[in-house]
């Protein structure tokens, strides 16, 4: 787009690899579990008779089968704001803001 629209600035966040790294290396990011969900219970497409909630969601990457926890979202938001070019490019959001 930058070539077609002179002066256009944008940011692309590599969500897939950011999540994959946390799932594969949870301890590196302060999580105790990268694959299991904190909440196991009734979700769309899945019904269980005994829902369960972990004692500390901040230790999990996943809150349920489709949503990351607040702790994980906080880490991802910091990457979007000032992450390095390997995860957010050609600009992070902080750099875009500074261009104003």
PDB file of N, CA and C in Angstrom:
ATOM      1  N   UNK A   1       0.801  -1.203   0.000  1.00  0.00           N
ATOM      2  CA  UNK A   1       0.000   0.000   0.000  1.00  0.00           C
ATOM      3  C   UNK A   1       0.841   1.262   0.000  1.00  0.00           C
ATOM      4  N   UNK A   2       1.970   1.211   0.692  1.00  0.00           N
ATOM      5  CA  UNK A   2       2.833   2.380   0.760  1.00  0.00           C
ATOM      6  C   UNK A   2       3.292   2.839  -0.607  1.00  0.00           C
ATOM      7  N   UNK A   3       3.443   1.904  -1.539  1.00  0.00           N
ATOM      8  CA  UNK A   3       3.870   2.274  -2.899  1.00  0.00           C
ATOM      9  C   UNK A   3       2.724   2.869  -3.703  1.00  0.00           C
ATOM     10  N   UNK A   4       1.517   2.404  -3.431  1.00  0.00           N
ATOM     11  CA  UNK A   4       0.357   2.888  -4.183  1.00  0.00           C
ATOM     12  C   UNK A   4      -0.213   4.177  -3.608  1.00  0.00           C
ATOM     13  N   UNK A   5       0.036   4.401  -2.329  1.00  0.00           N
ATOM     14  CA  UNK A   5      -0.495   5.594  -1.658  1.00  0.00           C
ATOM     15  C   UNK A   5       0.659   6.340  -0.998  1.00  0.00           C
ATOM     16  N   UNK A   6       1.282   7.250  -1.694  1.00  0.00           N
ATOM     17  CA  UNK A   6       2.425   7.977  -1.123  1.00  0.00           C
ATOM     18  C   UNK A   6       2.074   8.614   0.223  1.00  0.00           C
ATOM     19  N   UNK A   7       2.951   8.411   1.183  1.00  0.00           N
ATOM     20  CA  UNK A   7       2.741   8.972   2.514  1.00  0.00           C
ATOM     21  C   UNK A   7       1.924   8.083   3.441  1.00  0.00           C
ATOM     22  N   UNK A   8       1.353   7.001   2.903  1.00  0.00           N
ATOM     23  CA  UNK A   8       0.550   6.087   3.722  1.00  0.00           C
ATOM     24  C   UNK A   8       1.470   5.286   4.644  1.00  0.00           C
ATOM     25  N   UNK A   9       1.182   5.273   5.920  1.00  0.00           N
ATOM     26  CA  UNK A   9       1.957   4.529   6.915  1.00  0.00           C
ATOM     27  C   UNK A   9       1.037   3.510   7.576  1.00  0.00           C
ATOM     28  N   UNK A  10       1.564   2.358   7.900  1.00  0.00           N
ATOM     29  CA  UNK A  10       0.753   1.291   8.477  1.00  0.00           C
ATOM     30  C   UNK A  10       1.594   0.408   9.384  1.00  0.00           C
ATOM     31  N   UNK A  11       0.905  -0.482  10.070  1.00  0.00           N
ATOM     32  CA  UNK A  11       1.557  -1.412  10.983  1.00  0.00           C
ATOM     33  C   UNK A  11       0.892  -2.777  10.823  1.00  0.00           C
ATOM     34  N   UNK A  12       1.695  -3.806  10.708  1.00  0.00           N
ATOM     35  CA  UNK A  12       1.182  -5.177  10.650  1.00  0.00           C
ATOM     36  C   UNK A  12       1.758  -5.940  11.829  1.00  0.00           C
ATOM     37  N   UNK A  13       0.870  -6.499  12.653  1.00  0.00           N
ATOM     38  CA  UNK A  13       1.257  -7.260  13.840  1.00  0.00           C
ATOM     39  C   UNK A  13       1.175  -8.747  13.535  1.00  0.00           C
ATOM     40  N   UNK A  14       2.234  -9.472  13.796  1.00  0.00           N
ATOM     41  CA  UNK A  14       2.282 -10.917  13.568  1.00  0.00           C
ATOM     42  C   UNK A  14       1.704 -11.645  14.787  1.00  0.00           C
ATOM     43  N   UNK A  15       0.393 -11.623  14.898  1.00  0.00           N
ATOM     44  CA  UNK A  15      -0.317 -12.234  16.018  1.00  0.00           C
ATOM     45  C   UNK A  15      -0.013 -13.735  16.108  1.00  0.00           C
ATOM     46  N   UNK A  16       0.005 -14.395  14.970  1.00  0.00           N
ATOM     47  CA  UNK A  16       0.217 -15.841  14.937  1.00  0.00           C
ATOM     48  C   UNK A  16       1.512 -16.225  15.657  1.00  0.00           C
ATOM     49  N   UNK A  17       2.615 -15.610  15.278  1.00  0.00           N
ATOM     50  CA  UNK A  17       3.895 -15.983  15.891  1.00  0.00           C
ATOM     51  C   UNK A  17       4.023 -15.487  17.334  1.00  0.00           C
ATOM     52  N   UNK A  18       3.385 -14.372  17.648  1.00  0.00           N
ATOM     53  CA  UNK A  18       3.398 -13.883  19.035  1.00  0.00           C
ATOM     54  C   UNK A  18       2.697 -14.889  19.952  1.00  0.00           C
ATOM     55  N   UNK A  19       1.553 -15.402  19.512  1.00  0.00           N
ATOM     56  CA  UNK A  19       0.815 -16.401  20.304  1.00  0.00           C
ATOM     57  C   UNK A  19       1.570 -17.734  20.304  1.00  0.00           C
ATOM     58  N   UNK A  20       2.036 -18.152  19.147  1.00  0.00           N
ATOM     59  CA  UNK A  20       2.748 -19.428  19.050  1.00  0.00           C
ATOM     60  C   UNK A  20       3.941 -19.473  20.001  1.00  0.00           C
ATOM     61  N   UNK A  21       4.675 -18.385  20.109  1.00  0.00           N
ATOM     62  CA  UNK A  21       5.832 -18.359  21.010  1.00  0.00           C
ATOM     63  C   UNK A  21       5.385 -18.504  22.462  1.00  0.00           C
ATOM     64  N   UNK A  22       4.282 -17.908  22.830  1.00  0.00           N
ATOM     65  CA  UNK A  22       3.770 -18.025  24.204  1.00  0.00           C
ATOM     66  C   UNK A  22       3.230 -19.419  24.482  1.00  0.00           C
ATOM     67  N   UNK A  23       2.583 -20.014  23.497  1.00  0.00           N
ATOM     68  CA  UNK A  23       2.074 -21.382  23.650  1.00  0.00           C
ATOM     69  C   UNK A  23       3.237 -22.367  23.762  1.00  0.00           C
ATOM     70  N   UNK A  24       4.256 -22.171  22.954  1.00  0.00           N
ATOM     71  CA  UNK A  24       5.403 -23.085  22.931  1.00  0.00           C
ATOM     72  C   UNK A  24       6.374 -22.883  24.092  1.00  0.00           C
ATOM     73  N   UNK A  25       6.464 -21.645  24.605  1.00  0.00           N
ATOM     74  CA  UNK A  25       7.423 -21.304  25.673  1.00  0.00           C
ATOM     75  C   UNK A  25       6.744 -20.505  26.784  1.00  0.00           C
ATOM     76  N   UNK A  26       5.737 -21.063  27.428  1.00  0.00           N
ATOM     77  CA  UNK A  26       4.963 -20.271  28.395  1.00  0.00           C
ATOM     78  C   UNK A  26       5.796 -19.704  29.546  1.00  0.00           C
ATOM     79  N   UNK A  27       6.729 -20.461  30.056  1.00  0.00           N
ATOM     80  CA  UNK A  27       7.527 -19.989  31.202  1.00  0.00           C
ATOM     81  C   UNK A  27       8.356 -18.750  30.852  1.00  0.00           C
ATOM     82  N   UNK A  28       8.806 -18.663  29.618  1.00  0.00           N
ATOM     83  CA  UNK A  28       9.572 -17.507  29.143  1.00  0.00           C
ATOM     84  C   UNK A  28       8.778 -16.204  29.305  1.00  0.00           C
ATOM     85  N   UNK A  29       7.451 -16.311  29.294  1.00  0.00           N
ATOM     86  CA  UNK A  29       6.574 -15.143  29.376  1.00  0.00           C
ATOM     87  C   UNK A  29       5.815 -15.046  30.698  1.00  0.00           C
ATOM     88  N   UNK A  30       6.171 -15.895  31.657  1.00  0.00           N
ATOM     89  CA  UNK A  30       5.553 -15.839  32.973  1.00  0.00           C
ATOM     90  C   UNK A  30       4.287 -16.660  33.118  1.00  0.00           C
ATOM     91  N   UNK A  31       4.019 -17.531  32.160  1.00  0.00           N
ATOM     92  CA  UNK A  31       2.837 -18.398  32.238  1.00  0.00           C
ATOM     93  C   UNK A  31       3.261 -19.788  32.689  1.00  0.00           C
ATOM     94  N   UNK A  32       2.360 -20.480  33.363  1.00  0.00           N
ATOM     95  CA  UNK A  32       2.678 -21.858  33.747  1.00  0.00           C
ATOM     96  C   UNK A  32       2.134 -22.836  32.712  1.00  0.00           C
ATOM     97  N   UNK A  33       1.196 -22.374  31.883  1.00  0.00           N
ATOM     98  CA  UNK A  33       0.576 -23.266  30.919  1.00  0.00           C
ATOM     99  C   UNK A  33       0.310 -22.509  29.619  1.00  0.00           C
ATOM    100  N   UNK A  34       0.720 -23.088  28.506  1.00  0.00           N
ATOM    101  CA  UNK A  34       0.516 -22.440  27.220  1.00  0.00           C
ATOM    102  C   UNK A  34      -0.540 -23.096  26.357  1.00  0.00           C
ATOM    103  N   UNK A  35      -0.981 -24.292  26.742  1.00  0.00           N
ATOM    104  CA  UNK A  35      -1.913 -25.016  25.873  1.00  0.00           C
ATOM    105  C   UNK A  35      -3.288 -25.253  26.485  1.00  0.00           C
ATOM    106  N   UNK A  36      -3.376 -25.466  27.769  1.00  0.00           N
ATOM    107  CA  UNK A  36      -4.672 -25.699  28.413  1.00  0.00           C
ATOM    108  C   UNK A  36      -5.346 -24.375  28.735  1.00  0.00           C
ATOM    109  N   UNK A  37      -6.653 -24.398  28.768  1.00  0.00           N
ATOM    110  CA  UNK A  37      -7.420 -23.203  29.097  1.00  0.00           C
ATOM    111  C   UNK A  37      -7.674 -23.118  30.595  1.00  0.00           C
ATOM    112  N   UNK A  38      -7.748 -21.896  31.096  1.00  0.00           N
ATOM    113  CA  UNK A  38      -8.065 -21.669  32.504  1.00  0.00           C
ATOM    114  C   UNK A  38      -9.502 -22.114  32.803  1.00  0.00           C
ATOM    115  N   UNK A  39     -10.414 -21.753  31.917  1.00  0.00           N
ATOM    116  CA  UNK A  39     -11.825 -22.106  32.087  1.00  0.00           C
ATOM    117  C   UNK A  39     -12.158 -23.278  31.189  1.00  0.00           C
ATOM    118  N   UNK A  40     -12.701 -24.305  31.769  1.00  0.00           N
ATOM    119  CA  UNK A  40     -13.231 -25.422  30.984  1.00  0.00           C
ATOM    120  C   UNK A  40     -14.681 -25.559  31.357  1.00  0.00           C
ATOM    121  N   UNK A  41     -15.526 -25.347  30.423  1.00  0.00           N
ATOM    122  CA  UNK A  41     -16.954 -25.417  30.679  1.00  0.00           C
ATOM    123  C   UNK A  41     -17.717 -25.241  29.401  1.00  0.00           C
ATOM    124  N   UNK A  42     -18.926 -24.789  29.539  1.00  0.00           N
ATOM    125  CA  UNK A  42     -19.780 -24.608  28.382  1.00  0.00           C
ATOM    126  C   UNK A  42     -19.269 -23.464  27.513  1.00  0.00           C
ATOM    127  N   UNK A  43     -18.943 -23.789  26.291  1.00  0.00           N
ATOM    128  CA  UNK A  43     -18.540 -22.817  25.281  1.00  0.00           C
ATOM    129  C   UNK A  43     -19.273 -23.190  24.005  1.00  0.00           C
ATOM    130  N   UNK A  44     -19.330 -22.299  23.031  1.00  0.00           N
ATOM    131  CA  UNK A  44     -20.019 -22.654  21.784  1.00  0.00           C
ATOM    132  C   UNK A  44     -19.458 -23.946  21.189  1.00  0.00           C
ATOM    133  N   UNK A  45     -20.335 -24.888  20.968  1.00  0.00           N
ATOM    134  CA  UNK A  45     -19.927 -26.164  20.397  1.00  0.00           C
ATOM    135  C   UNK A  45     -19.439 -27.184  21.407  1.00  0.00           C
ATOM    136  N   UNK A  46     -19.366 -26.799  22.683  1.00  0.00           N
ATOM    137  CA  UNK A  46     -18.882 -27.731  23.705  1.00  0.00           C
ATOM    138  C   UNK A  46     -19.712 -27.557  24.969  1.00  0.00           C
ATOM    139  N   UNK A  47     -20.318 -28.634  25.407  1.00  0.00           N
ATOM    140  CA  UNK A  47     -21.111 -28.609  26.637  1.00  0.00           C
ATOM    141  C   UNK A  47     -20.507 -29.588  27.624  1.00  0.00           C
ATOM    142  N   UNK A  48     -20.356 -29.133  28.839  1.00  0.00           N
ATOM    143  CA  UNK A  48     -19.829 -29.995  29.890  1.00  0.00           C
ATOM    144  C   UNK A  48     -20.751 -29.890  31.101  1.00  0.00           C
ATOM    145  N   UNK A  49     -20.799 -30.936  31.873  1.00  0.00           N
ATOM    146  CA  UNK A  49     -21.671 -30.922  33.039  1.00  0.00           C
ATOM    147  C   UNK A  49     -21.004 -30.282  34.252  1.00  0.00           C
ATOM    148  N   UNK A  50     -19.688 -30.175  34.243  1.00  0.00           N
ATOM    149  CA  UNK A  50     -18.984 -29.633  35.394  1.00  0.00           C
ATOM    150  C   UNK A  50     -17.949 -28.593  34.961  1.00  0.00           C
ATOM    151  N   UNK A  51     -18.358 -27.329  34.821  1.00  0.00           N
ATOM    152  CA  UNK A  51     -17.399 -26.279  34.459  1.00  0.00           C
ATOM    153  C   UNK A  51     -16.341 -26.103  35.543  1.00  0.00           C
ATOM    154  N   UNK A  52     -15.176 -25.654  35.135  1.00  0.00           N
ATOM    155  CA  UNK A  52     -14.072 -25.477  36.057  1.00  0.00           C
ATOM    156  C   UNK A  52     -13.322 -24.195  35.704  1.00  0.00           C
ATOM    157  N   UNK A  53     -12.896 -23.453  36.723  1.00  0.00           N
ATOM    158  CA  UNK A  53     -12.129 -22.229  36.540  1.00  0.00           C
ATOM    159  C   UNK A  53     -10.853 -22.335  37.358  1.00  0.00           C
ATOM    160  N   UNK A  54      -9.723 -22.039  36.740  1.00  0.00           N
ATOM    161  CA  UNK A  54      -8.451 -22.116  37.455  1.00  0.00           C
ATOM    162  C   UNK A  54      -8.385 -21.033  38.535  1.00  0.00           C
ATOM    163  N   UNK A  55      -7.464 -21.162  39.454  1.00  0.00           N
ATOM    164  CA  UNK A  55      -7.371 -20.197  40.555  1.00  0.00           C
ATOM    165  C   UNK A  55      -6.667 -18.899  40.157  1.00  0.00           C
ATOM    166  N   UNK A  56      -5.824 -18.942  39.112  1.00  0.00           N
ATOM    167  CA  UNK A  56      -5.086 -17.745  38.706  1.00  0.00           C
ATOM    168  C   UNK A  56      -4.990 -17.668  37.182  1.00  0.00           C
ATOM    169  N   UNK A  57      -5.957 -17.009  36.535  1.00  0.00           N
ATOM    170  CA  UNK A  57      -5.950 -16.908  35.067  1.00  0.00           C
ATOM    171  C   UNK A  57      -4.690 -16.257  34.501  1.00  0.00           C
ATOM    172  N   UNK A  58      -4.015 -15.424  35.291  1.00  0.00           N
ATOM    173  CA  UNK A  58      -2.826 -14.738  34.776  1.00  0.00           C
ATOM    174  C   UNK A  58      -1.668 -15.694  34.501  1.00  0.00           C
ATOM    175  N   UNK A  59      -1.794 -16.933  34.926  1.00  0.00           N
ATOM    176  CA  UNK A  59      -0.755 -17.935  34.688  1.00  0.00           C
ATOM    177  C   UNK A  59      -1.015 -18.749  33.416  1.00  0.00           C
ATOM    178  N   UNK A  60      -2.058 -18.393  32.688  1.00  0.00           N
ATOM    179  CA  UNK A  60      -2.444 -19.110  31.479  1.00  0.00           C
ATOM    180  C   UNK A  60      -2.400 -18.189  30.267  1.00  0.00           C
ATOM    181  N   UNK A  61      -2.067 -18.747  29.115  1.00  0.00           N
ATOM    182  CA  UNK A  61      -2.163 -18.017  27.852  1.00  0.00           C
ATOM    183  C   UNK A  61      -3.634 -17.934  27.447  1.00  0.00           C
ATOM    184  N   UNK A  62      -4.349 -19.036  27.593  1.00  0.00           N
ATOM    185  CA  UNK A  62      -5.746 -19.133  27.145  1.00  0.00           C
ATOM    186  C   UNK A  62      -6.715 -19.077  28.313  1.00  0.00           C
ATOM    187  N   UNK A  63      -7.728 -18.216  28.205  1.00  0.00           N
ATOM    188  CA  UNK A  63      -8.786 -18.206  29.205  1.00  0.00           C
ATOM    189  C   UNK A  63      -9.748 -19.348  28.933  1.00  0.00           C
ATOM    190  N   UNK A  64     -10.206 -19.444  27.695  1.00  0.00           N
ATOM    191  CA  UNK A  64     -11.043 -20.568  27.282  1.00  0.00           C
ATOM    192  C   UNK A  64     -10.521 -21.048  25.934  1.00  0.00           C
ATOM    193  N   UNK A  65     -11.291 -21.847  25.246  1.00  0.00           N
ATOM    194  CA  UNK A  65     -10.779 -22.460  24.018  1.00  0.00           C
ATOM    195  C   UNK A  65     -10.553 -21.475  22.877  1.00  0.00           C
ATOM    196  N   UNK A  66     -11.010 -20.239  23.009  1.00  0.00           N
ATOM    197  CA  UNK A  66     -10.841 -19.296  21.914  1.00  0.00           C
ATOM    198  C   UNK A  66     -10.385 -17.905  22.295  1.00  0.00           C
ATOM    199  N   UNK A  67     -10.140 -17.669  23.575  1.00  0.00           N
ATOM    200  CA  UNK A  67      -9.790 -16.319  24.030  1.00  0.00           C
ATOM    201  C   UNK A  67      -8.553 -16.341  24.920  1.00  0.00           C
ATOM    202  N   UNK A  68      -7.636 -15.433  24.640  1.00  0.00           N
ATOM    203  CA  UNK A  68      -6.458 -15.313  25.484  1.00  0.00           C
ATOM    204  C   UNK A  68      -6.820 -14.586  26.776  1.00  0.00           C
ATOM    205  N   UNK A  69      -5.998 -14.780  27.793  1.00  0.00           N
ATOM    206  CA  UNK A  69      -6.251 -14.153  29.095  1.00  0.00           C
ATOM    207  C   UNK A  69      -5.881 -12.671  29.071  1.00  0.00           C
ATOM    208  N   UNK A  70      -6.308 -11.963  30.094  1.00  0.00           N
ATOM    209  CA  UNK A  70      -5.957 -10.549  30.228  1.00  0.00           C
ATOM    210  C   UNK A  70      -4.441 -10.376  30.271  1.00  0.00           C
ATOM    211  N   UNK A  71      -3.745 -11.270  30.969  1.00  0.00           N
ATOM    212  CA  UNK A  71      -2.282 -11.183  31.069  1.00  0.00           C
ATOM    213  C   UNK A  71      -1.632 -11.341  29.694  1.00  0.00           C
ATOM    214  N   UNK A  72      -2.107 -12.271  28.914  1.00  0.00           N
ATOM    215  CA  UNK A  72      -1.569 -12.463  27.575  1.00  0.00           C
ATOM    216  C   UNK A  72      -1.904 -11.258  26.696  1.00  0.00           C
ATOM    217  N   UNK A  73      -3.134 -10.770  26.788  1.00  0.00           N
ATOM    218  CA  UNK A  73      -3.538  -9.604  25.991  1.00  0.00           C
ATOM    219  C   UNK A  73      -2.693  -8.386  26.335  1.00  0.00           C
ATOM    220  N   UNK A  74      -2.342  -8.231  27.597  1.00  0.00           N
ATOM    221  CA  UNK A  74      -1.493  -7.111  28.015  1.00  0.00           C
ATOM    222  C   UNK A  74      -0.126  -7.203  27.329  1.00  0.00           C
ATOM    223  N   UNK A  75       0.445  -8.409  27.314  1.00  0.00           N
ATOM    224  CA  UNK A  75       1.736  -8.601  26.651  1.00  0.00           C
ATOM    225  C   UNK A  75       1.635  -8.307  25.152  1.00  0.00           C
ATOM    226  N   UNK A  76       0.571  -8.788  24.517  1.00  0.00           N
ATOM    227  CA  UNK A  76       0.394  -8.560  23.086  1.00  0.00           C
ATOM    228  C   UNK A  76       0.217  -7.071  22.786  1.00  0.00           C
ATOM    229  N   UNK A  77      -0.518  -6.373  23.636  1.00  0.00           N
ATOM    230  CA  UNK A  77      -0.723  -4.935  23.410  1.00  0.00           C
ATOM    231  C   UNK A  77       0.593  -4.172  23.515  1.00  0.00           C
ATOM    232  N   UNK A  78       1.473  -4.604  24.423  1.00  0.00           N
ATOM    233  CA  UNK A  78       2.782  -3.954  24.528  1.00  0.00           C
ATOM    234  C   UNK A  78       3.618  -4.208  23.270  1.00  0.00           C
ATOM    235  N   UNK A  79       3.482  -5.393  22.684  1.00  0.00           N
ATOM    236  CA  UNK A  79       4.187  -5.673  21.431  1.00  0.00           C
ATOM    237  C   UNK A  79       3.660  -4.797  20.298  1.00  0.00           C
ATOM    238  N   UNK A  80       2.356  -4.659  20.218  1.00  0.00           N
ATOM    239  CA  UNK A  80       1.765  -3.815  19.175  1.00  0.00           C
ATOM    240  C   UNK A  80       2.247  -2.379  19.339  1.00  0.00           C
ATOM    241  N   UNK A  81       2.336  -1.904  20.579  1.00  0.00           N
ATOM    242  CA  UNK A  81       2.734  -0.522  20.848  1.00  0.00           C
ATOM    243  C   UNK A  81       4.205  -0.268  20.516  1.00  0.00           C
ATOM    244  N   UNK A  82       5.102  -1.156  21.019  1.00  0.00           N
ATOM    245  CA  UNK A  82       6.522  -0.868  20.807  1.00  0.00           C
ATOM    246  C   UNK A  82       7.363  -2.108  20.493  1.00  0.00           C
ATOM    247  N   UNK A  83       6.753  -3.077  19.820  1.00  0.00           N
ATOM    248  CA  UNK A  83       7.480  -4.290  19.458  1.00  0.00           C
ATOM    249  C   UNK A  83       8.525  -4.057  18.380  1.00  0.00           C
ATOM    250  N   UNK A  84       9.426  -5.008  18.279  1.00  0.00           N
ATOM    251  CA  UNK A  84      10.495  -4.941  17.274  1.00  0.00           C
ATOM    252  C   UNK A  84       9.965  -5.374  15.907  1.00  0.00           C
ATOM    253  N   UNK A  85      10.734  -5.067  14.872  1.00  0.00           N
ATOM    254  CA  UNK A  85      10.304  -5.311  13.488  1.00  0.00           C
ATOM    255  C   UNK A  85      10.040  -6.775  13.157  1.00  0.00           C
ATOM    256  N   UNK A  86      10.568  -7.705  13.946  1.00  0.00           N
ATOM    257  CA  UNK A  86      10.298  -9.108  13.650  1.00  0.00           C
ATOM    258  C   UNK A  86       8.868  -9.515  14.003  1.00  0.00           C
ATOM    259  N   UNK A  87       8.170  -8.687  14.781  1.00  0.00           N
ATOM    260  CA  UNK A  87       6.806  -9.034  15.195  1.00  0.00           C
ATOM    261  C   UNK A  87       5.779  -7.980  14.774  1.00  0.00           C
ATOM    262  N   UNK A  88       6.203  -6.746  14.577  1.00  0.00           N
ATOM    263  CA  UNK A  88       5.304  -5.679  14.126  1.00  0.00           C
ATOM    264  C   UNK A  88       6.094  -4.764  13.187  1.00  0.00           C
ATOM    265  N   UNK A  89       5.566  -4.601  11.972  1.00  0.00           N
ATOM    266  CA  UNK A  89       6.320  -3.823  10.984  1.00  0.00           C
ATOM    267  C   UNK A  89       5.395  -3.251   9.909  1.00  0.00           C
ATOM    268  N   UNK A  90       5.818  -2.333   9.118  1.00  0.00           N
ATOM    269  CA  UNK A  90       7.120  -1.685   9.133  1.00  0.00           C
ATOM    270  C   UNK A  90       7.284  -0.705  10.288  1.00  0.00           C
ATOM    271  N   UNK A  91       6.184  -0.374  10.944  1.00  0.00           N
ATOM    272  CA  UNK A  91       6.221   0.503  12.116  1.00  0.00           C
ATOM    273  C   UNK A  91       5.440  -0.151  13.237  1.00  0.00           C
ATOM    274  N   UNK A  92       5.869   0.052  14.485  1.00  0.00           N
ATOM    275  CA  UNK A  92       4.979  -0.290  15.585  1.00  0.00           C
ATOM    276  C   UNK A  92       4.078   0.929  15.821  1.00  0.00           C
ATOM    277  N   UNK A  93       3.075   0.799  16.657  1.00  0.00           N
ATOM    278  CA  UNK A  93       2.108   1.882  16.824  1.00  0.00           C
ATOM    279  C   UNK A  93       2.747   3.111  17.482  1.00  0.00           C
ATOM    280  N   UNK A  94       3.692   2.908  18.367  1.00  0.00           N
ATOM    281  CA  UNK A  94       4.391   4.031  18.985  1.00  0.00           C
ATOM    282  C   UNK A  94       5.109   4.859  17.914  1.00  0.00           C
ATOM    283  N   UNK A  95       5.772   4.181  16.991  1.00  0.00           N
ATOM    284  CA  UNK A  95       6.458   4.879  15.907  1.00  0.00           C
ATOM    285  C   UNK A  95       5.466   5.630  15.014  1.00  0.00           C
ATOM    286  N   UNK A  96       4.328   5.034  14.752  1.00  0.00           N
ATOM    287  CA  UNK A  96       3.305   5.719  13.960  1.00  0.00           C
ATOM    288  C   UNK A  96       2.823   6.975  14.680  1.00  0.00           C
ATOM    289  N   UNK A  97       2.601   6.854  15.974  1.00  0.00           N
ATOM    290  CA  UNK A  97       2.162   7.989  16.771  1.00  0.00           C
ATOM    291  C   UNK A  97       3.199   9.130  16.727  1.00  0.00           C
ATOM    292  N   UNK A  98       4.449   8.754  16.806  1.00  0.00           N
ATOM    293  CA  UNK A  98       5.517   9.765  16.791  1.00  0.00           C
ATOM    294  C   UNK A  98       5.661  10.455  15.449  1.00  0.00           C
ATOM    295  N   UNK A  99       5.110   9.855  14.388  1.00  0.00           N
ATOM    296  CA  UNK A  99       5.147  10.486  13.062  1.00  0.00           C
ATOM    297  C   UNK A  99       4.133  11.619  12.938  1.00  0.00           C
ATOM    298  N   UNK A 100       3.173  11.668  13.836  1.00  0.00           N
ATOM    299  CA  UNK A 100       2.131  12.712  13.756  1.00  0.00           C
ATOM    300  C   UNK A 100       2.696  14.096  13.962  1.00  0.00           C
TER     301      UNK A 100
END
